[in-house]
Amino acid sequence: MKPARPAPAPALAEHERELQRLERLANQMDALFRIPGTGIRVGADSIIGLVPGIGDSLALAPAGWIVWKARDLGAPNGMLVKMGFNVAVDTVIGAIPLIGDIFDVGWKGNLRNVRLLREHLEAEGKATPAARADAA
């Protein structure tokens, strides 16, 4: 297997910009705030998930957007299935009262998905390792 050839400079810059936008969104959803006195980070997903019934449904939209954009950026079907699994686990278990709320704090499916996408794009030469955002 020969090494991936880097994408042309304009394409590389566009992939990197879009990836950084997705990393910011994932960070907002999964790790926006640190609980004082701990190293535990929570995001909007954990907070809106506290609203019974609709909270986890609302959190599904940004998660789906990340998977959709991953498809647009050229993620292979196998990766999209894995990302969809991460979203499904987050949504289904997150919907269980109390247990799901605790689970959401640790699972961080959006951060998992953008990490998968970044690793893929870096391997394909479509993202630069030096530009990695501190998403976790």
N, C-alpha and C. Protein backbone atom coordinates (compact mmCIF):
# COMPACT_ATOMS: atom_id res chain seq x y z
N MET A 1 0.84 -1.17 0.00
CA MET A 1 0.00 0.00 0.00
C MET A 1 0.89 1.24 0.00
N LYS A 2 0.72 2.07 -0.99
CA LYS A 2 1.55 3.27 -1.06
C LYS A 2 0.97 4.37 -0.19
N PRO A 3 1.84 5.26 0.31
CA PRO A 3 1.36 6.34 1.20
C PRO A 3 0.41 7.27 0.46
N ALA A 4 -0.51 7.83 1.21
CA ALA A 4 -1.49 8.76 0.63
C ALA A 4 -0.78 10.03 0.17
N ARG A 5 -1.20 10.50 -0.99
CA ARG A 5 -0.66 11.74 -1.52
C ARG A 5 -1.45 12.90 -0.93
N PRO A 6 -0.77 13.94 -0.48
CA PRO A 6 -1.50 15.08 0.07
C PRO A 6 -2.43 15.70 -0.96
N ALA A 7 -3.55 16.21 -0.50
CA ALA A 7 -4.49 16.88 -1.38
C ALA A 7 -3.87 18.20 -1.84
N PRO A 8 -4.31 18.73 -2.99
CA PRO A 8 -3.84 20.05 -3.42
C PRO A 8 -4.12 21.08 -2.33
N ALA A 9 -3.31 22.11 -2.25
CA ALA A 9 -3.38 23.10 -1.18
C ALA A 9 -4.78 23.67 -0.94
N PRO A 10 -5.53 24.12 -1.97
CA PRO A 10 -6.87 24.67 -1.69
C PRO A 10 -7.81 23.61 -1.10
N ALA A 11 -7.76 22.38 -1.62
CA ALA A 11 -8.62 21.31 -1.09
C ALA A 11 -8.22 20.97 0.34
N LEU A 12 -6.92 20.94 0.60
CA LEU A 12 -6.43 20.65 1.95
C LEU A 12 -6.94 21.71 2.93
N ALA A 13 -6.84 22.96 2.55
CA ALA A 13 -7.28 24.05 3.42
C ALA A 13 -8.79 23.96 3.67
N GLU A 14 -9.57 23.64 2.65
CA GLU A 14 -11.02 23.55 2.82
C GLU A 14 -11.40 22.37 3.71
N HIS A 15 -10.76 21.22 3.50
CA HIS A 15 -11.02 20.06 4.36
C HIS A 15 -10.67 20.40 5.81
N GLU A 16 -9.54 21.06 5.99
CA GLU A 16 -9.09 21.40 7.35
C GLU A 16 -10.06 22.37 8.02
N ARG A 17 -10.52 23.38 7.28
CA ARG A 17 -11.48 24.35 7.84
C ARG A 17 -12.77 23.65 8.26
N GLU A 18 -13.29 22.80 7.39
CA GLU A 18 -14.54 22.09 7.70
C GLU A 18 -14.34 21.15 8.89
N LEU A 19 -13.22 20.48 8.93
CA LEU A 19 -12.93 19.57 10.04
C LEU A 19 -12.83 20.34 11.36
N GLN A 20 -12.21 21.49 11.34
CA GLN A 20 -12.12 22.29 12.56
C GLN A 20 -13.49 22.79 13.01
N ARG A 21 -14.37 23.12 12.06
CA ARG A 21 -15.75 23.51 12.41
C ARG A 21 -16.47 22.34 13.09
N LEU A 22 -16.29 21.14 12.54
CA LEU A 22 -16.93 19.97 13.14
C LEU A 22 -16.34 19.66 14.52
N GLU A 23 -15.04 19.87 14.68
CA GLU A 23 -14.42 19.66 15.99
C GLU A 23 -14.96 20.65 17.02
N ARG A 24 -15.18 21.89 16.61
CA ARG A 24 -15.75 22.88 17.53
C ARG A 24 -17.18 22.48 17.92
N LEU A 25 -17.96 22.04 16.95
CA LEU A 25 -19.33 21.60 17.23
C LEU A 25 -19.32 20.41 18.19
N ALA A 26 -18.47 19.44 17.93
CA ALA A 26 -18.38 18.26 18.80
C ALA A 26 -17.96 18.67 20.21
N ASN A 27 -17.03 19.60 20.29
CA ASN A 27 -16.58 20.07 21.60
C ASN A 27 -17.72 20.76 22.35
N GLN A 28 -18.50 21.57 21.65
CA GLN A 28 -19.65 22.23 22.28
C GLN A 28 -20.68 21.21 22.75
N MET A 29 -20.87 20.17 21.99
CA MET A 29 -21.87 19.17 22.35
C MET A 29 -21.39 18.23 23.46
N ASP A 30 -20.09 17.96 23.53
CA ASP A 30 -19.59 16.91 24.44
C ASP A 30 -18.66 17.39 25.55
N ALA A 31 -18.04 18.55 25.41
CA ALA A 31 -17.00 18.93 26.39
C ALA A 31 -16.89 20.43 26.59
N LEU A 32 -17.98 21.14 26.58
CA LEU A 32 -17.96 22.60 26.65
C LEU A 32 -17.55 23.13 28.02
N PHE A 33 -18.01 22.49 29.10
CA PHE A 33 -17.74 22.96 30.45
C PHE A 33 -17.02 21.90 31.26
N ARG A 34 -16.20 22.35 32.19
CA ARG A 34 -15.57 21.42 33.14
C ARG A 34 -16.32 21.57 34.45
N ILE A 35 -16.67 20.43 35.04
CA ILE A 35 -17.33 20.46 36.35
C ILE A 35 -16.27 20.87 37.36
N PRO A 36 -16.49 21.97 38.09
CA PRO A 36 -15.49 22.47 39.03
C PRO A 36 -15.03 21.40 40.02
N GLY A 37 -13.74 21.37 40.26
CA GLY A 37 -13.16 20.43 41.20
C GLY A 37 -12.93 19.05 40.63
N THR A 38 -13.26 18.86 39.35
CA THR A 38 -13.07 17.55 38.71
C THR A 38 -12.43 17.77 37.35
N GLY A 39 -12.05 16.69 36.74
CA GLY A 39 -11.56 16.76 35.36
C GLY A 39 -12.66 16.40 34.37
N ILE A 40 -13.89 16.28 34.86
CA ILE A 40 -15.01 15.85 34.02
C ILE A 40 -15.53 17.02 33.21
N ARG A 41 -15.66 16.79 31.90
CA ARG A 41 -16.18 17.81 31.00
C ARG A 41 -17.54 17.37 30.49
N VAL A 42 -18.46 18.30 30.43
CA VAL A 42 -19.79 18.05 29.89
C VAL A 42 -20.09 19.11 28.84
N GLY A 43 -20.99 18.76 27.96
CA GLY A 43 -21.36 19.70 26.92
C GLY A 43 -22.86 19.84 26.82
N ALA A 44 -23.28 20.47 25.76
CA ALA A 44 -24.71 20.73 25.55
C ALA A 44 -25.50 19.44 25.48
N ASP A 45 -24.92 18.37 24.93
CA ASP A 45 -25.60 17.08 24.84
C ASP A 45 -26.01 16.61 26.23
N SER A 46 -25.08 16.68 27.18
CA SER A 46 -25.38 16.23 28.55
C SER A 46 -26.43 17.13 29.22
N ILE A 47 -26.37 18.41 28.93
CA ILE A 47 -27.28 19.35 29.58
C ILE A 47 -28.69 19.25 29.00
N ILE A 48 -28.82 19.27 27.67
CA ILE A 48 -30.17 19.19 27.09
C ILE A 48 -30.74 17.78 27.23
N GLY A 49 -29.87 16.78 27.43
CA GLY A 49 -30.34 15.43 27.67
C GLY A 49 -31.09 15.28 28.98
N LEU A 50 -30.94 16.24 29.87
CA LEU A 50 -31.66 16.21 31.14
C LEU A 50 -33.15 16.47 30.97
N VAL A 51 -33.53 17.07 29.84
CA VAL A 51 -34.94 17.36 29.56
C VAL A 51 -35.59 16.06 29.08
N PRO A 52 -36.51 15.52 29.88
CA PRO A 52 -37.12 14.23 29.51
C PRO A 52 -37.84 14.30 28.16
N GLY A 53 -37.63 13.26 27.37
CA GLY A 53 -38.35 13.14 26.11
C GLY A 53 -37.72 13.84 24.93
N ILE A 54 -37.52 15.14 25.01
CA ILE A 54 -37.06 15.87 23.83
C ILE A 54 -35.55 16.17 23.84
N GLY A 55 -34.92 16.11 25.00
CA GLY A 55 -33.51 16.48 25.09
C GLY A 55 -32.62 15.66 24.18
N ASP A 56 -32.76 14.35 24.24
CA ASP A 56 -31.91 13.49 23.41
C ASP A 56 -32.28 13.60 21.93
N SER A 57 -33.54 13.88 21.65
CA SER A 57 -33.95 14.08 20.25
C SER A 57 -33.29 15.34 19.69
N LEU A 58 -33.22 16.39 20.49
CA LEU A 58 -32.57 17.63 20.04
C LEU A 58 -31.07 17.42 19.81
N ALA A 59 -30.44 16.61 20.65
CA ALA A 59 -29.01 16.36 20.53
C ALA A 59 -28.69 15.51 19.30
N LEU A 60 -29.69 14.86 18.74
CA LEU A 60 -29.48 14.02 17.56
C LEU A 60 -29.15 14.86 16.32
N ALA A 61 -29.68 16.07 16.22
CA ALA A 61 -29.45 16.90 15.03
C ALA A 61 -27.98 17.24 14.81
N PRO A 62 -27.25 17.77 15.80
CA PRO A 62 -25.82 18.04 15.55
C PRO A 62 -25.01 16.77 15.31
N ALA A 63 -25.39 15.68 15.97
CA ALA A 63 -24.68 14.41 15.77
C ALA A 63 -24.88 13.93 14.33
N GLY A 64 -26.11 14.04 13.84
CA GLY A 64 -26.38 13.66 12.45
C GLY A 64 -25.66 14.56 11.46
N TRP A 65 -25.56 15.84 11.79
CA TRP A 65 -24.85 16.79 10.93
C TRP A 65 -23.37 16.41 10.79
N ILE A 66 -22.76 16.00 11.88
CA ILE A 66 -21.36 15.59 11.85
C ILE A 66 -21.18 14.40 10.91
N VAL A 67 -22.08 13.42 11.00
CA VAL A 67 -21.99 12.24 10.13
C VAL A 67 -22.24 12.65 8.67
N TRP A 68 -23.20 13.52 8.45
CA TRP A 68 -23.50 14.00 7.08
C TRP A 68 -22.28 14.70 6.47
N LYS A 69 -21.66 15.58 7.24
CA LYS A 69 -20.48 16.30 6.73
C LYS A 69 -19.31 15.34 6.51
N ALA A 70 -19.19 14.31 7.35
CA ALA A 70 -18.14 13.30 7.17
C ALA A 70 -18.32 12.63 5.81
N ARG A 71 -19.57 12.35 5.44
CA ARG A 71 -19.85 11.76 4.12
C ARG A 71 -19.41 12.73 3.03
N ASP A 72 -19.75 14.00 3.20
CA ASP A 72 -19.36 15.01 2.21
C ASP A 72 -17.85 15.12 2.07
N LEU A 73 -17.13 14.89 3.17
CA LEU A 73 -15.66 15.00 3.15
C LEU A 73 -14.99 13.72 2.67
N GLY A 74 -15.77 12.72 2.33
CA GLY A 74 -15.21 11.52 1.73
C GLY A 74 -14.96 10.36 2.68
N ALA A 75 -15.60 10.36 3.84
CA ALA A 75 -15.44 9.23 4.76
C ALA A 75 -15.98 7.97 4.10
N PRO A 76 -15.26 6.86 4.22
CA PRO A 76 -15.73 5.61 3.61
C PRO A 76 -16.98 5.08 4.32
N ASN A 77 -17.73 4.25 3.62
CA ASN A 77 -18.99 3.72 4.16
C ASN A 77 -18.80 3.01 5.49
N GLY A 78 -17.73 2.24 5.64
CA GLY A 78 -17.49 1.53 6.89
C GLY A 78 -17.36 2.50 8.06
N MET A 79 -16.69 3.62 7.83
CA MET A 79 -16.54 4.62 8.88
C MET A 79 -17.88 5.28 9.19
N LEU A 80 -18.67 5.54 8.15
CA LEU A 80 -19.99 6.14 8.36
C LEU A 80 -20.88 5.23 9.19
N VAL A 81 -20.77 3.91 8.97
CA VAL A 81 -21.53 2.95 9.77
C VAL A 81 -21.09 3.02 11.23
N LYS A 82 -19.78 3.07 11.44
CA LYS A 82 -19.26 3.16 12.81
C LYS A 82 -19.72 4.46 13.47
N MET A 83 -19.69 5.56 12.73
CA MET A 83 -20.15 6.84 13.26
C MET A 83 -21.65 6.78 13.59
N GLY A 84 -22.42 6.15 12.70
CA GLY A 84 -23.85 5.99 12.94
C GLY A 84 -24.11 5.16 14.19
N PHE A 85 -23.27 4.14 14.40
CA PHE A 85 -23.39 3.33 15.61
C PHE A 85 -23.13 4.19 16.85
N ASN A 86 -22.10 5.04 16.80
CA ASN A 86 -21.81 5.92 17.93
C ASN A 86 -23.00 6.84 18.23
N VAL A 87 -23.63 7.36 17.19
CA VAL A 87 -24.80 8.23 17.37
C VAL A 87 -25.96 7.43 17.95
N ALA A 88 -26.17 6.22 17.43
CA ALA A 88 -27.28 5.38 17.91
C ALA A 88 -27.10 5.03 19.39
N VAL A 89 -25.89 4.64 19.77
CA VAL A 89 -25.63 4.31 21.17
C VAL A 89 -25.90 5.52 22.05
N ASP A 90 -25.40 6.68 21.63
CA ASP A 90 -25.60 7.91 22.40
C ASP A 90 -27.08 8.23 22.54
N THR A 91 -27.83 8.05 21.47
CA THR A 91 -29.25 8.39 21.49
C THR A 91 -30.07 7.39 22.29
N VAL A 92 -29.86 6.11 22.06
CA VAL A 92 -30.68 5.08 22.72
C VAL A 92 -30.38 5.02 24.21
N ILE A 93 -29.11 4.91 24.58
CA ILE A 93 -28.79 4.83 26.01
C ILE A 93 -29.02 6.18 26.69
N GLY A 94 -28.75 7.26 25.96
CA GLY A 94 -28.99 8.59 26.52
C GLY A 94 -30.44 8.84 26.85
N ALA A 95 -31.35 8.12 26.22
CA ALA A 95 -32.78 8.31 26.45
C ALA A 95 -33.26 7.64 27.74
N ILE A 96 -32.44 6.80 28.35
CA ILE A 96 -32.82 6.13 29.60
C ILE A 96 -32.66 7.14 30.74
N PRO A 97 -33.73 7.41 31.47
CA PRO A 97 -33.62 8.41 32.55
C PRO A 97 -32.50 8.08 33.53
N LEU A 98 -31.80 9.08 33.95
CA LEU A 98 -30.69 9.07 34.89
C LEU A 98 -29.48 8.28 34.40
N ILE A 99 -29.65 7.00 34.08
CA ILE A 99 -28.54 6.19 33.58
C ILE A 99 -28.00 6.80 32.29
N GLY A 100 -28.91 7.20 31.40
CA GLY A 100 -28.51 7.82 30.14
C GLY A 100 -27.78 9.13 30.34
N ASP A 101 -28.20 9.90 31.34
CA ASP A 101 -27.54 11.18 31.61
C ASP A 101 -26.12 10.97 32.09
N ILE A 102 -25.92 9.97 32.93
CA ILE A 102 -24.57 9.65 33.40
C ILE A 102 -23.73 9.11 32.25
N PHE A 103 -24.35 8.26 31.43
CA PHE A 103 -23.66 7.69 30.27
C PHE A 103 -23.19 8.78 29.31
N ASP A 104 -24.04 9.78 29.06
CA ASP A 104 -23.70 10.87 28.14
C ASP A 104 -22.41 11.59 28.54
N VAL A 105 -22.18 11.70 29.84
CA VAL A 105 -20.98 12.40 30.32
C VAL A 105 -19.72 11.66 29.89
N GLY A 106 -19.78 10.33 29.86
CA GLY A 106 -18.59 9.55 29.53
C GLY A 106 -18.46 9.13 28.07
N TRP A 107 -19.56 8.96 27.37
CA TRP A 107 -19.52 8.40 26.01
C TRP A 107 -18.92 9.36 24.99
N LYS A 108 -19.40 10.59 24.93
CA LYS A 108 -18.90 11.63 24.04
C LYS A 108 -18.83 11.15 22.57
N GLY A 109 -19.98 10.74 22.06
CA GLY A 109 -20.06 10.20 20.71
C GLY A 109 -19.65 11.18 19.62
N ASN A 110 -19.94 12.46 19.79
CA ASN A 110 -19.56 13.45 18.78
C ASN A 110 -18.04 13.60 18.69
N LEU A 111 -17.38 13.64 19.84
CA LEU A 111 -15.92 13.71 19.84
C LEU A 111 -15.31 12.45 19.24
N ARG A 112 -15.91 11.30 19.52
CA ARG A 112 -15.44 10.04 18.92
C ARG A 112 -15.51 10.13 17.40
N ASN A 113 -16.65 10.66 16.91
CA ASN A 113 -16.85 10.71 15.47
C ASN A 113 -15.90 11.68 14.77
N VAL A 114 -15.67 12.85 15.34
CA VAL A 114 -14.74 13.77 14.66
C VAL A 114 -13.31 13.26 14.77
N ARG A 115 -13.00 12.52 15.83
CA ARG A 115 -11.67 11.92 15.94
C ARG A 115 -11.47 10.89 14.83
N LEU A 116 -12.49 10.05 14.60
CA LEU A 116 -12.43 9.07 13.50
C LEU A 116 -12.23 9.79 12.16
N LEU A 117 -12.99 10.85 11.95
CA LEU A 117 -12.90 11.59 10.69
C LEU A 117 -11.53 12.23 10.53
N ARG A 118 -11.00 12.84 11.58
CA ARG A 118 -9.68 13.47 11.49
C ARG A 118 -8.62 12.43 11.17
N GLU A 119 -8.65 11.29 11.85
CA GLU A 119 -7.67 10.24 11.59
C GLU A 119 -7.73 9.79 10.13
N HIS A 120 -8.94 9.64 9.60
CA HIS A 120 -9.10 9.25 8.21
C HIS A 120 -8.53 10.31 7.26
N LEU A 121 -8.93 11.57 7.49
CA LEU A 121 -8.47 12.64 6.60
C LEU A 121 -6.96 12.83 6.68
N GLU A 122 -6.38 12.68 7.86
CA GLU A 122 -4.92 12.78 7.99
C GLU A 122 -4.24 11.65 7.21
N ALA A 123 -4.78 10.44 7.32
CA ALA A 123 -4.21 9.29 6.60
C ALA A 123 -4.31 9.48 5.09
N GLU A 124 -5.35 10.17 4.64
CA GLU A 124 -5.56 10.43 3.21
C GLU A 124 -4.80 11.67 2.73
N GLY A 125 -4.14 12.37 3.65
CA GLY A 125 -3.43 13.59 3.27
C GLY A 125 -4.35 14.77 3.04
N LYS A 126 -5.55 14.72 3.60
CA LYS A 126 -6.54 15.79 3.40
C LYS A 126 -6.70 16.67 4.63
N ALA A 127 -5.91 16.42 5.67
CA ALA A 127 -5.90 17.25 6.88
C ALA A 127 -4.49 17.21 7.44
N THR A 128 -4.13 18.26 8.15
CA THR A 128 -2.79 18.35 8.68
C THR A 128 -2.78 18.05 10.17
N PRO A 129 -1.90 17.14 10.61
CA PRO A 129 -1.83 16.80 12.03
C PRO A 129 -1.54 18.03 12.90
N ALA A 130 -0.76 18.98 12.41
CA ALA A 130 -0.38 20.16 13.19
C ALA A 130 -1.59 21.04 13.48
N ALA A 131 -2.65 20.96 12.69
CA ALA A 131 -3.81 21.82 12.87
C ALA A 131 -4.83 21.21 13.81
N ARG A 132 -4.51 20.10 14.42
CA ARG A 132 -5.45 19.40 15.29
C ARG A 132 -5.97 20.33 16.38
N ALA A 133 -7.28 20.45 16.47
CA ALA A 133 -7.89 21.25 17.52
C ALA A 133 -7.92 20.45 18.81
N ASP A 134 -7.86 21.12 19.95
CA ASP A 134 -7.91 20.43 21.23
C ASP A 134 -9.37 20.16 21.56
N ALA A 135 -9.89 19.06 20.98
CA ALA A 135 -11.31 18.75 21.11
C ALA A 135 -11.62 17.93 22.36
N ALA A 136 -10.65 17.37 22.99
CA ALA A 136 -10.97 16.52 24.13
C ALA A 136 -10.54 17.14 25.44
